Amino acid sequence: MIEQENAELYVIGNTDSSCFPAELLPYTNRKRLSEHEKDVLRVNFLVNYGWEWDMKNDWASREIPRIDLVIRWGGMCRLSGFLPIQTVYSDFYIVKEL
């Protein structure tokens, strides 16, 4: 559905894990948007992500620019190490349901 919109899906996470969904693998090797693609909405989708994994993998999240909005499920109101650099000025939306 997102491919039919003016949007790009960027998936980041531990792809070596058996928990990582194979159908998301094509969306893991995206690079920073070029100048002519700046009007494209970029959706960052973190799957099987952890800050320790990120750090051990040469900051795999370095291609993710500053984040405007973090949506967190499960009622938790903390980052828990989630993209510490990119979320410095983010707004949060907390969903109580997990």
PDB file of N, CA and C in Angstrom:
ATOM      1  N   MET A   1       0.823  -1.184   0.000  1.00  0.00           N
ATOM      2  CA  MET A   1       0.000   0.000   0.000  1.00  0.00           C
ATOM      3  C   MET A   1       0.875   1.259   0.000  1.00  0.00           C
ATOM      4  N   ILE A   2       1.964   1.253   0.767  1.00  0.00           N
ATOM      5  CA  ILE A   2       2.816   2.445   0.855  1.00  0.00           C
ATOM      6  C   ILE A   2       3.526   2.716  -0.470  1.00  0.00           C
ATOM      7  N   GLU A   3       3.778   1.670  -1.253  1.00  0.00           N
ATOM      8  CA  GLU A   3       4.443   1.846  -2.542  1.00  0.00           C
ATOM      9  C   GLU A   3       3.561   2.600  -3.543  1.00  0.00           C
ATOM     10  N   GLN A   4       2.250   2.653  -3.320  1.00  0.00           N
ATOM     11  CA  GLN A   4       1.338   3.350  -4.209  1.00  0.00           C
ATOM     12  C   GLN A   4       1.192   4.819  -3.854  1.00  0.00           C
ATOM     13  N   GLU A   5       1.790   5.236  -2.760  1.00  0.00           N
ATOM     14  CA  GLU A   5       1.750   6.626  -2.316  1.00  0.00           C
ATOM     15  C   GLU A   5       3.081   7.296  -2.627  1.00  0.00           C
ATOM     16  N   ASN A   6       3.159   8.594  -2.368  1.00  0.00           N
ATOM     17  CA  ASN A   6       4.407   9.324  -2.546  1.00  0.00           C
ATOM     18  C   ASN A   6       5.236   9.152  -1.270  1.00  0.00           C
ATOM     19  N   ALA A   7       5.598   7.881  -0.998  1.00  0.00           N
ATOM     20  CA  ALA A   7       6.289   7.551   0.238  1.00  0.00           C
ATOM     21  C   ALA A   7       7.288   6.433  -0.015  1.00  0.00           C
ATOM     22  N   GLU A   8       8.260   6.357   0.873  1.00  0.00           N
ATOM     23  CA  GLU A   8       9.256   5.300   0.798  1.00  0.00           C
ATOM     24  C   GLU A   8       9.371   4.649   2.168  1.00  0.00           C
ATOM     25  N   LEU A   9       9.402   3.321   2.194  1.00  0.00           N
ATOM     26  CA  LEU A   9       9.540   2.568   3.425  1.00  0.00           C
ATOM     27  C   LEU A   9      11.007   2.206   3.621  1.00  0.00           C
ATOM     28  N   TYR A  10      11.532   2.511   4.792  1.00  0.00           N
ATOM     29  CA  TYR A  10      12.909   2.172   5.138  1.00  0.00           C
ATOM     30  C   TYR A  10      12.869   1.323   6.399  1.00  0.00           C
ATOM     31  N   VAL A  11      13.254   0.044   6.277  1.00  0.00           N
ATOM     32  CA  VAL A  11      13.209  -0.895   7.396  1.00  0.00           C
ATOM     33  C   VAL A  11      14.629  -1.109   7.908  1.00  0.00           C
ATOM     34  N   ILE A  12      14.784  -1.034   9.229  1.00  0.00           N
ATOM     35  CA  ILE A  12      16.084  -1.251   9.839  1.00  0.00           C
ATOM     36  C   ILE A  12      15.922  -2.165  11.042  1.00  0.00           C
ATOM     37  N   GLY A  13      16.860  -3.083  11.183  1.00  0.00           N
ATOM     38  CA  GLY A  13      16.837  -4.014  12.303  1.00  0.00           C
ATOM     39  C   GLY A  13      17.738  -5.201  12.025  1.00  0.00           C
ATOM     40  N   ASN A  14      17.809  -6.092  12.977  1.00  0.00           N
ATOM     41  CA  ASN A  14      18.688  -7.253  12.903  1.00  0.00           C
ATOM     42  C   ASN A  14      18.123  -8.281  11.924  1.00  0.00           C
ATOM     43  N   THR A  15      18.575  -8.209  10.689  1.00  0.00           N
ATOM     44  CA  THR A  15      18.075  -9.104   9.641  1.00  0.00           C
ATOM     45  C   THR A  15      18.641 -10.517   9.775  1.00  0.00           C
ATOM     46  N   ASP A  16      19.667 -10.714  10.578  1.00  0.00           N
ATOM     47  CA  ASP A  16      20.252 -12.044  10.775  1.00  0.00           C
ATOM     48  C   ASP A  16      19.427 -12.894  11.738  1.00  0.00           C
ATOM     49  N   SER A  17      18.538 -12.285  12.448  1.00  0.00           N
ATOM     50  CA  SER A  17      17.714 -12.989  13.426  1.00  0.00           C
ATOM     51  C   SER A  17      16.574 -13.739  12.740  1.00  0.00           C
ATOM     52  N   SER A  18      16.212 -14.892  13.299  1.00  0.00           N
ATOM     53  CA  SER A  18      15.078 -15.648  12.757  1.00  0.00           C
ATOM     54  C   SER A  18      13.753 -14.920  13.010  1.00  0.00           C
ATOM     55  N   CYS A  19      13.770 -13.911  13.879  1.00  0.00           N
ATOM     56  CA  CYS A  19      12.558 -13.126  14.174  1.00  0.00           C
ATOM     57  C   CYS A  19      12.273 -12.069  13.116  1.00  0.00           C
ATOM     58  N   PHE A  20      13.232 -11.803  12.235  1.00  0.00           N
ATOM     59  CA  PHE A  20      13.046 -10.757  11.233  1.00  0.00           C
ATOM     60  C   PHE A  20      12.206 -11.295  10.075  1.00  0.00           C
ATOM     61  N   PRO A  21      11.100 -10.628   9.725  1.00  0.00           N
ATOM     62  CA  PRO A  21      10.221 -11.102   8.634  1.00  0.00           C
ATOM     63  C   PRO A  21      10.903 -11.006   7.266  1.00  0.00           C
ATOM     64  N   ALA A  22      10.940 -12.113   6.560  1.00  0.00           N
ATOM     65  CA  ALA A  22      11.610 -12.168   5.252  1.00  0.00           C
ATOM     66  C   ALA A  22      10.995 -11.206   4.248  1.00  0.00           C
ATOM     67  N   GLU A  23       9.686 -10.947   4.332  1.00  0.00           N
ATOM     68  CA  GLU A  23       9.038 -10.073   3.364  1.00  0.00           C
ATOM     69  C   GLU A  23       9.483  -8.614   3.486  1.00  0.00           C
ATOM     70  N   LEU A  24      10.161  -8.260   4.580  1.00  0.00           N
ATOM     71  CA  LEU A  24      10.658  -6.890   4.750  1.00  0.00           C
ATOM     72  C   LEU A  24      12.097  -6.717   4.276  1.00  0.00           C
ATOM     73  N   LEU A  25      12.776  -7.789   3.943  1.00  0.00           N
ATOM     74  CA  LEU A  25      14.181  -7.703   3.517  1.00  0.00           C
ATOM     75  C   LEU A  25      14.413  -6.748   2.342  1.00  0.00           C
ATOM     76  N   PRO A  26      13.532  -6.689   1.327  1.00  0.00           N
ATOM     77  CA  PRO A  26      13.777  -5.757   0.212  1.00  0.00           C
ATOM     78  C   PRO A  26      13.802  -4.282   0.627  1.00  0.00           C
ATOM     79  N   TYR A  27      13.280  -3.973   1.787  1.00  0.00           N
ATOM     80  CA  TYR A  27      13.210  -2.581   2.233  1.00  0.00           C
ATOM     81  C   TYR A  27      14.331  -2.203   3.187  1.00  0.00           C
ATOM     82  N   THR A  28      15.315  -3.078   3.364  1.00  0.00           N
ATOM     83  CA  THR A  28      16.371  -2.825   4.345  1.00  0.00           C
ATOM     84  C   THR A  28      17.600  -2.139   3.775  1.00  0.00           C
ATOM     85  N   ASN A  29      17.791  -2.130   2.504  1.00  0.00           N
ATOM     86  CA  ASN A  29      19.014  -1.569   1.916  1.00  0.00           C
ATOM     87  C   ASN A  29      18.778  -0.243   1.225  1.00  0.00           C
ATOM     88  N   ARG A  30      17.998   0.623   1.853  1.00  0.00           N
ATOM     89  CA  ARG A  30      17.715   1.932   1.281  1.00  0.00           C
ATOM     90  C   ARG A  30      18.795   2.920   1.710  1.00  0.00           C
ATOM     91  N   LYS A  31      19.055   3.875   0.899  1.00  0.00           N
ATOM     92  CA  LYS A  31      20.024   4.927   1.211  1.00  0.00           C
ATOM     93  C   LYS A  31      19.296   6.245   1.398  1.00  0.00           C
ATOM     94  N   ARG A  32      20.028   7.246   1.852  1.00  0.00           N
ATOM     95  CA  ARG A  32      19.453   8.567   2.063  1.00  0.00           C
ATOM     96  C   ARG A  32      18.814   9.057   0.767  1.00  0.00           C
ATOM     97  N   LEU A  33      17.675   9.713   0.891  1.00  0.00           N
ATOM     98  CA  LEU A  33      16.974  10.218  -0.288  1.00  0.00           C
ATOM     99  C   LEU A  33      17.809  11.255  -1.019  1.00  0.00           C
ATOM    100  N   SER A  34      17.774  11.209  -2.341  1.00  0.00           N
ATOM    101  CA  SER A  34      18.514  12.187  -3.125  1.00  0.00           C
ATOM    102  C   SER A  34      17.763  13.524  -3.129  1.00  0.00           C
ATOM    103  N   GLU A  35      18.397  14.552  -3.656  1.00  0.00           N
ATOM    104  CA  GLU A  35      17.803  15.899  -3.668  1.00  0.00           C
ATOM    105  C   GLU A  35      16.456  15.938  -4.383  1.00  0.00           C
ATOM    106  N   HIS A  36      16.315  15.206  -5.493  1.00  0.00           N
ATOM    107  CA  HIS A  36      15.052  15.251  -6.240  1.00  0.00           C
ATOM    108  C   HIS A  36      13.957  14.430  -5.562  1.00  0.00           C
ATOM    109  N   GLU A  37      14.289  13.692  -4.524  1.00  0.00           N
ATOM    110  CA  GLU A  37      13.301  12.894  -3.802  1.00  0.00           C
ATOM    111  C   GLU A  37      12.930  13.497  -2.447  1.00  0.00           C
ATOM    112  N   LYS A  38      13.304  14.731  -2.198  1.00  0.00           N
ATOM    113  CA  LYS A  38      13.068  15.355  -0.896  1.00  0.00           C
ATOM    114  C   LYS A  38      11.587  15.530  -0.569  1.00  0.00           C
ATOM    115  N   ASP A  39      10.724  15.561  -1.589  1.00  0.00           N
ATOM    116  CA  ASP A  39       9.299  15.715  -1.321  1.00  0.00           C
ATOM    117  C   ASP A  39       8.610  14.383  -1.034  1.00  0.00           C
ATOM    118  N   VAL A  40       9.373  13.294  -0.995  1.00  0.00           N
ATOM    119  CA  VAL A  40       8.842  11.970  -0.701  1.00  0.00           C
ATOM    120  C   VAL A  40       8.781  11.777   0.811  1.00  0.00           C
ATOM    121  N   LEU A  41       7.661  11.274   1.292  1.00  0.00           N
ATOM    122  CA  LEU A  41       7.521  10.964   2.715  1.00  0.00           C
ATOM    123  C   LEU A  41       8.294   9.681   2.990  1.00  0.00           C
ATOM    124  N   ARG A  42       9.172   9.734   3.971  1.00  0.00           N
ATOM    125  CA  ARG A  42       9.963   8.556   4.319  1.00  0.00           C
ATOM    126  C   ARG A  42       9.449   8.000   5.643  1.00  0.00           C
ATOM    127  N   VAL A  43       9.086   6.724   5.628  1.00  0.00           N
ATOM    128  CA  VAL A  43       8.608   6.043   6.822  1.00  0.00           C
ATOM    129  C   VAL A  43       9.707   5.098   7.293  1.00  0.00           C
ATOM    130  N   ASN A  44      10.239   5.368   8.479  1.00  0.00           N
ATOM    131  CA  ASN A  44      11.248   4.506   9.077  1.00  0.00           C
ATOM    132  C   ASN A  44      10.537   3.476   9.938  1.00  0.00           C
ATOM    133  N   PHE A  45      10.765   2.204   9.662  1.00  0.00           N
ATOM    134  CA  PHE A  45      10.094   1.117  10.364  1.00  0.00           C
ATOM    135  C   PHE A  45      11.168   0.237  10.983  1.00  0.00           C
ATOM    136  N   LEU A  46      11.284   0.270  12.305  1.00  0.00           N
ATOM    137  CA  LEU A  46      12.303  -0.493  13.003  1.00  0.00           C
ATOM    138  C   LEU A  46      11.728  -1.820  13.465  1.00  0.00           C
ATOM    139  N   VAL A  47      12.349  -2.898  13.015  1.00  0.00           N
ATOM    140  CA  VAL A  47      11.899  -4.250  13.306  1.00  0.00           C
ATOM    141  C   VAL A  47      13.069  -5.015  13.893  1.00  0.00           C
ATOM    142  N   ASN A  48      12.866  -5.609  15.057  1.00  0.00           N
ATOM    143  CA  ASN A  48      13.929  -6.353  15.730  1.00  0.00           C
ATOM    144  C   ASN A  48      15.161  -5.460  15.910  1.00  0.00           C
ATOM    145  N   TYR A  49      14.912  -4.232  16.344  1.00  0.00           N
ATOM    146  CA  TYR A  49      15.944  -3.222  16.534  1.00  0.00           C
ATOM    147  C   TYR A  49      16.270  -3.087  18.018  1.00  0.00           C
ATOM    148  N   GLY A  50      17.525  -2.836  18.299  1.00  0.00           N
ATOM    149  CA  GLY A  50      17.966  -2.515  19.653  1.00  0.00           C
ATOM    150  C   GLY A  50      19.193  -1.626  19.567  1.00  0.00           C
ATOM    151  N   TRP A  51      19.345  -0.726  20.511  1.00  0.00           N
ATOM    152  CA  TRP A  51      20.462   0.216  20.442  1.00  0.00           C
ATOM    153  C   TRP A  51      21.805  -0.500  20.521  1.00  0.00           C
ATOM    154  N   GLU A  52      21.897  -1.604  21.245  1.00  0.00           N
ATOM    155  CA  GLU A  52      23.167  -2.343  21.314  1.00  0.00           C
ATOM    156  C   GLU A  52      23.503  -2.959  19.957  1.00  0.00           C
ATOM    157  N   TRP A  53      22.482  -3.536  19.300  1.00  0.00           N
ATOM    158  CA  TRP A  53      22.690  -4.074  17.966  1.00  0.00           C
ATOM    159  C   TRP A  53      23.129  -2.962  17.016  1.00  0.00           C
ATOM    160  N   ASP A  54      22.468  -1.807  17.111  1.00  0.00           N
ATOM    161  CA  ASP A  54      22.778  -0.651  16.267  1.00  0.00           C
ATOM    162  C   ASP A  54      24.240  -0.238  16.452  1.00  0.00           C
ATOM    163  N   MET A  55      24.663  -0.105  17.683  1.00  0.00           N
ATOM    164  CA  MET A  55      26.023   0.328  17.986  1.00  0.00           C
ATOM    165  C   MET A  55      27.056  -0.700  17.497  1.00  0.00           C
ATOM    166  N   LYS A  56      26.785  -1.971  17.699  1.00  0.00           N
ATOM    167  CA  LYS A  56      27.712  -3.035  17.288  1.00  0.00           C
ATOM    168  C   LYS A  56      27.796  -3.177  15.775  1.00  0.00           C
ATOM    169  N   ASN A  57      26.829  -2.647  15.065  1.00  0.00           N
ATOM    170  CA  ASN A  57      26.795  -2.728  13.600  1.00  0.00           C
ATOM    171  C   ASN A  57      27.115  -1.391  12.961  1.00  0.00           C
ATOM    172  N   ASP A  58      28.096  -0.706  13.539  1.00  0.00           N
ATOM    173  CA  ASP A  58      28.600   0.555  12.989  1.00  0.00           C
ATOM    174  C   ASP A  58      27.476   1.574  12.807  1.00  0.00           C
ATOM    175  N   TRP A  59      26.634   1.683  13.814  1.00  0.00           N
ATOM    176  CA  TRP A  59      25.492   2.614  13.809  1.00  0.00           C
ATOM    177  C   TRP A  59      24.694   2.463  12.521  1.00  0.00           C
ATOM    178  N   ALA A  60      24.081   1.293  12.386  1.00  0.00           N
ATOM    179  CA  ALA A  60      23.282   0.978  11.196  1.00  0.00           C
ATOM    180  C   ALA A  60      22.197   2.017  10.940  1.00  0.00           C
ATOM    181  N   SER A  61      21.790   2.727  11.973  1.00  0.00           N
ATOM    182  CA  SER A  61      20.723   3.728  11.825  1.00  0.00           C
ATOM    183  C   SER A  61      21.234   5.080  11.351  1.00  0.00           C
ATOM    184  N   ARG A  62      22.478   5.187  10.987  1.00  0.00           N
ATOM    185  CA  ARG A  62      23.052   6.496  10.617  1.00  0.00           C
ATOM    186  C   ARG A  62      22.371   7.123   9.410  1.00  0.00           C
ATOM    187  N   GLU A  63      21.720   6.320   8.579  1.00  0.00           N
ATOM    188  CA  GLU A  63      21.007   6.847   7.409  1.00  0.00           C
ATOM    189  C   GLU A  63      19.653   7.447   7.772  1.00  0.00           C
ATOM    190  N   ILE A  64      19.203   7.225   8.992  1.00  0.00           N
ATOM    191  CA  ILE A  64      17.913   7.771   9.408  1.00  0.00           C
ATOM    192  C   ILE A  64      18.120   9.212   9.861  1.00  0.00           C
ATOM    193  N   PRO A  65      17.446  10.159   9.230  1.00  0.00           N
ATOM    194  CA  PRO A  65      17.580  11.562   9.646  1.00  0.00           C
ATOM    195  C   PRO A  65      16.819  11.810  10.948  1.00  0.00           C
ATOM    196  N   ARG A  66      16.879  13.032  11.432  1.00  0.00           N
ATOM    197  CA  ARG A  66      16.156  13.387  12.652  1.00  0.00           C
ATOM    198  C   ARG A  66      14.686  13.026  12.512  1.00  0.00           C
ATOM    199  N   ILE A  67      14.116  12.488  13.573  1.00  0.00           N
ATOM    200  CA  ILE A  67      12.751  11.983  13.551  1.00  0.00           C
ATOM    201  C   ILE A  67      11.802  13.005  14.155  1.00  0.00           C
ATOM    202  N   ASP A  68      10.685  13.248  13.471  1.00  0.00           N
ATOM    203  CA  ASP A  68       9.689  14.209  13.940  1.00  0.00           C
ATOM    204  C   ASP A  68       8.717  13.594  14.940  1.00  0.00           C
ATOM    205  N   LEU A  69       8.332  12.329  14.735  1.00  0.00           N
ATOM    206  CA  LEU A  69       7.299  11.716  15.552  1.00  0.00           C
ATOM    207  C   LEU A  69       7.664  10.276  15.876  1.00  0.00           C
ATOM    208  N   VAL A  70       7.577   9.924  17.157  1.00  0.00           N
ATOM    209  CA  VAL A  70       7.760   8.548  17.608  1.00  0.00           C
ATOM    210  C   VAL A  70       6.406   8.056  18.110  1.00  0.00           C
ATOM    211  N   ILE A  71       5.956   6.918  17.572  1.00  0.00           N
ATOM    212  CA  ILE A  71       4.726   6.292  18.039  1.00  0.00           C
ATOM    213  C   ILE A  71       5.138   5.063  18.832  1.00  0.00           C
ATOM    214  N   ARG A  72       4.710   5.000  20.080  1.00  0.00           N
ATOM    215  CA  ARG A  72       5.096   3.882  20.948  1.00  0.00           C
ATOM    216  C   ARG A  72       3.850   3.162  21.446  1.00  0.00           C
ATOM    217  N   TRP A  73       3.803   1.861  21.191  1.00  0.00           N
ATOM    218  CA  TRP A  73       2.700   1.029  21.642  1.00  0.00           C
ATOM    219  C   TRP A  73       2.994   0.478  23.029  1.00  0.00           C
ATOM    220  N   GLY A  74       1.965   0.062  23.721  1.00  0.00           N
ATOM    221  CA  GLY A  74       2.117  -0.592  25.012  1.00  0.00           C
ATOM    222  C   GLY A  74       2.134   0.349  26.199  1.00  0.00           C
ATOM    223  N   GLY A  75       1.839   1.622  25.984  1.00  0.00           N
ATOM    224  CA  GLY A  75       1.735   2.568  27.080  1.00  0.00           C
ATOM    225  C   GLY A  75       3.049   3.056  27.663  1.00  0.00           C
ATOM    226  N   MET A  76       4.163   2.626  27.135  1.00  0.00           N
ATOM    227  CA  MET A  76       5.474   3.038  27.664  1.00  0.00           C
ATOM    228  C   MET A  76       5.784   4.467  27.225  1.00  0.00           C
ATOM    229  N   CYS A  77       6.257   5.280  28.161  1.00  0.00           N
ATOM    230  CA  CYS A  77       6.532   6.691  27.897  1.00  0.00           C
ATOM    231  C   CYS A  77       8.027   6.983  27.968  1.00  0.00           C
ATOM    232  N   ARG A  78       8.842   6.075  27.481  1.00  0.00           N
ATOM    233  CA  ARG A  78      10.285   6.278  27.489  1.00  0.00           C
ATOM    234  C   ARG A  78      10.879   5.748  26.191  1.00  0.00           C
ATOM    235  N   LEU A  79      12.092   6.171  25.889  1.00  0.00           N
ATOM    236  CA  LEU A  79      12.744   5.747  24.653  1.00  0.00           C
ATOM    237  C   LEU A  79      13.420   4.386  24.760  1.00  0.00           C
ATOM    238  N   SER A  80      13.929   4.037  25.925  1.00  0.00           N
ATOM    239  CA  SER A  80      14.605   2.744  26.125  1.00  0.00           C
ATOM    240  C   SER A  80      15.755   2.543  25.137  1.00  0.00           C
ATOM    241  N   GLY A  81      16.508   3.591  24.854  1.00  0.00           N
ATOM    242  CA  GLY A  81      17.643   3.490  23.945  1.00  0.00           C
ATOM    243  C   GLY A  81      17.283   3.568  22.479  1.00  0.00           C
ATOM    244  N   PHE A  82      16.046   3.867  22.169  1.00  0.00           N
ATOM    245  CA  PHE A  82      15.565   3.905  20.786  1.00  0.00           C
ATOM    246  C   PHE A  82      16.104   5.117  20.049  1.00  0.00           C
ATOM    247  N   LEU A  83      16.940   4.911  19.062  1.00  0.00           N
ATOM    248  CA  LEU A  83      17.497   5.970  18.219  1.00  0.00           C
ATOM    249  C   LEU A  83      17.827   7.224  19.029  1.00  0.00           C
ATOM    250  N   PRO A  84      18.777   7.142  19.935  1.00  0.00           N
ATOM    251  CA  PRO A  84      19.035   8.261  20.853  1.00  0.00           C
ATOM    252  C   PRO A  84      19.424   9.569  20.177  1.00  0.00           C
ATOM    253  N   ILE A  85      20.095   9.516  19.059  1.00  0.00           N
ATOM    254  CA  ILE A  85      20.529  10.746  18.379  1.00  0.00           C
ATOM    255  C   ILE A  85      19.391  11.342  17.555  1.00  0.00           C
ATOM    256  N   GLN A  86      18.679  10.509  16.819  1.00  0.00           N
ATOM    257  CA  GLN A  86      17.637  10.982  15.904  1.00  0.00           C
ATOM    258  C   GLN A  86      16.380  11.465  16.619  1.00  0.00           C
ATOM    259  N   THR A  87      16.156  11.045  17.858  1.00  0.00           N
ATOM    260  CA  THR A  87      14.915  11.378  18.552  1.00  0.00           C
ATOM    261  C   THR A  87      15.061  12.516  19.558  1.00  0.00           C
ATOM    262  N   VAL A  88      16.159  13.244  19.497  1.00  0.00           N
ATOM    263  CA  VAL A  88      16.420  14.313  20.473  1.00  0.00           C
ATOM    264  C   VAL A  88      15.275  15.320  20.535  1.00  0.00           C
ATOM    265  N   TYR A  89      14.725  15.720  19.407  1.00  0.00           N
ATOM    266  CA  TYR A  89      13.666  16.729  19.381  1.00  0.00           C
ATOM    267  C   TYR A  89      12.327  16.177  18.907  1.00  0.00           C
ATOM    268  N   SER A  90      12.115  14.888  19.037  1.00  0.00           N
ATOM    269  CA  SER A  90      10.895  14.252  18.544  1.00  0.00           C
ATOM    270  C   SER A  90       9.697  14.515  19.450  1.00  0.00           C
ATOM    271  N   ASP A  91       8.517  14.491  18.826  1.00  0.00           N
ATOM    272  CA  ASP A  91       7.267  14.451  19.571  1.00  0.00           C
ATOM    273  C   ASP A  91       6.901  12.982  19.745  1.00  0.00           C
ATOM    274  N   PHE A  92       6.092  12.694  20.779  1.00  0.00           N
ATOM    275  CA  PHE A  92       5.714  11.322  21.067  1.00  0.00           C
ATOM    276  C   PHE A  92       4.211  11.165  21.045  1.00  0.00           C
ATOM    277  N   TYR A  93       3.775  10.020  20.553  1.00  0.00           N
ATOM    278  CA  TYR A  93       2.376   9.624  20.622  1.00  0.00           C
ATOM    279  C   TYR A  93       2.367   8.241  21.243  1.00  0.00           C
ATOM    280  N   ILE A  94       1.721   8.116  22.388  1.00  0.00           N
ATOM    281  CA  ILE A  94       1.708   6.869  23.138  1.00  0.00           C
ATOM    282  C   ILE A  94       0.354   6.181  22.957  1.00  0.00           C
ATOM    283  N   VAL A  95       0.398   4.932  22.508  1.00  0.00           N
ATOM    284  CA  VAL A  95      -0.796   4.104  22.371  1.00  0.00           C
ATOM    285  C   VAL A  95      -0.804   3.126  23.531  1.00  0.00           C
ATOM    286  N   LYS A  96      -1.872   3.102  24.303  1.00  0.00           N
ATOM    287  CA  LYS A  96      -1.912   2.251  25.487  1.00  0.00           C
ATOM    288  C   LYS A  96      -1.919   0.755  25.144  1.00  0.00           C
ATOM    289  N   GLU A  97      -2.588   0.375  24.061  1.00  0.00           N
ATOM    290  CA  GLU A  97      -2.660  -1.031  23.675  1.00  0.00           C
ATOM    291  C   GLU A  97      -1.321  -1.492  23.132  1.00  0.00           C
ATOM    292  N   LEU A  98      -0.993  -2.757  23.377  1.00  0.00           N
ATOM    293  CA  LEU A  98       0.248  -3.323  22.853  1.00  0.00           C
ATOM    294  C   LEU A  98      -0.012  -3.925  21.495  1.00  0.00           C
TER     295      LEU A  98
END
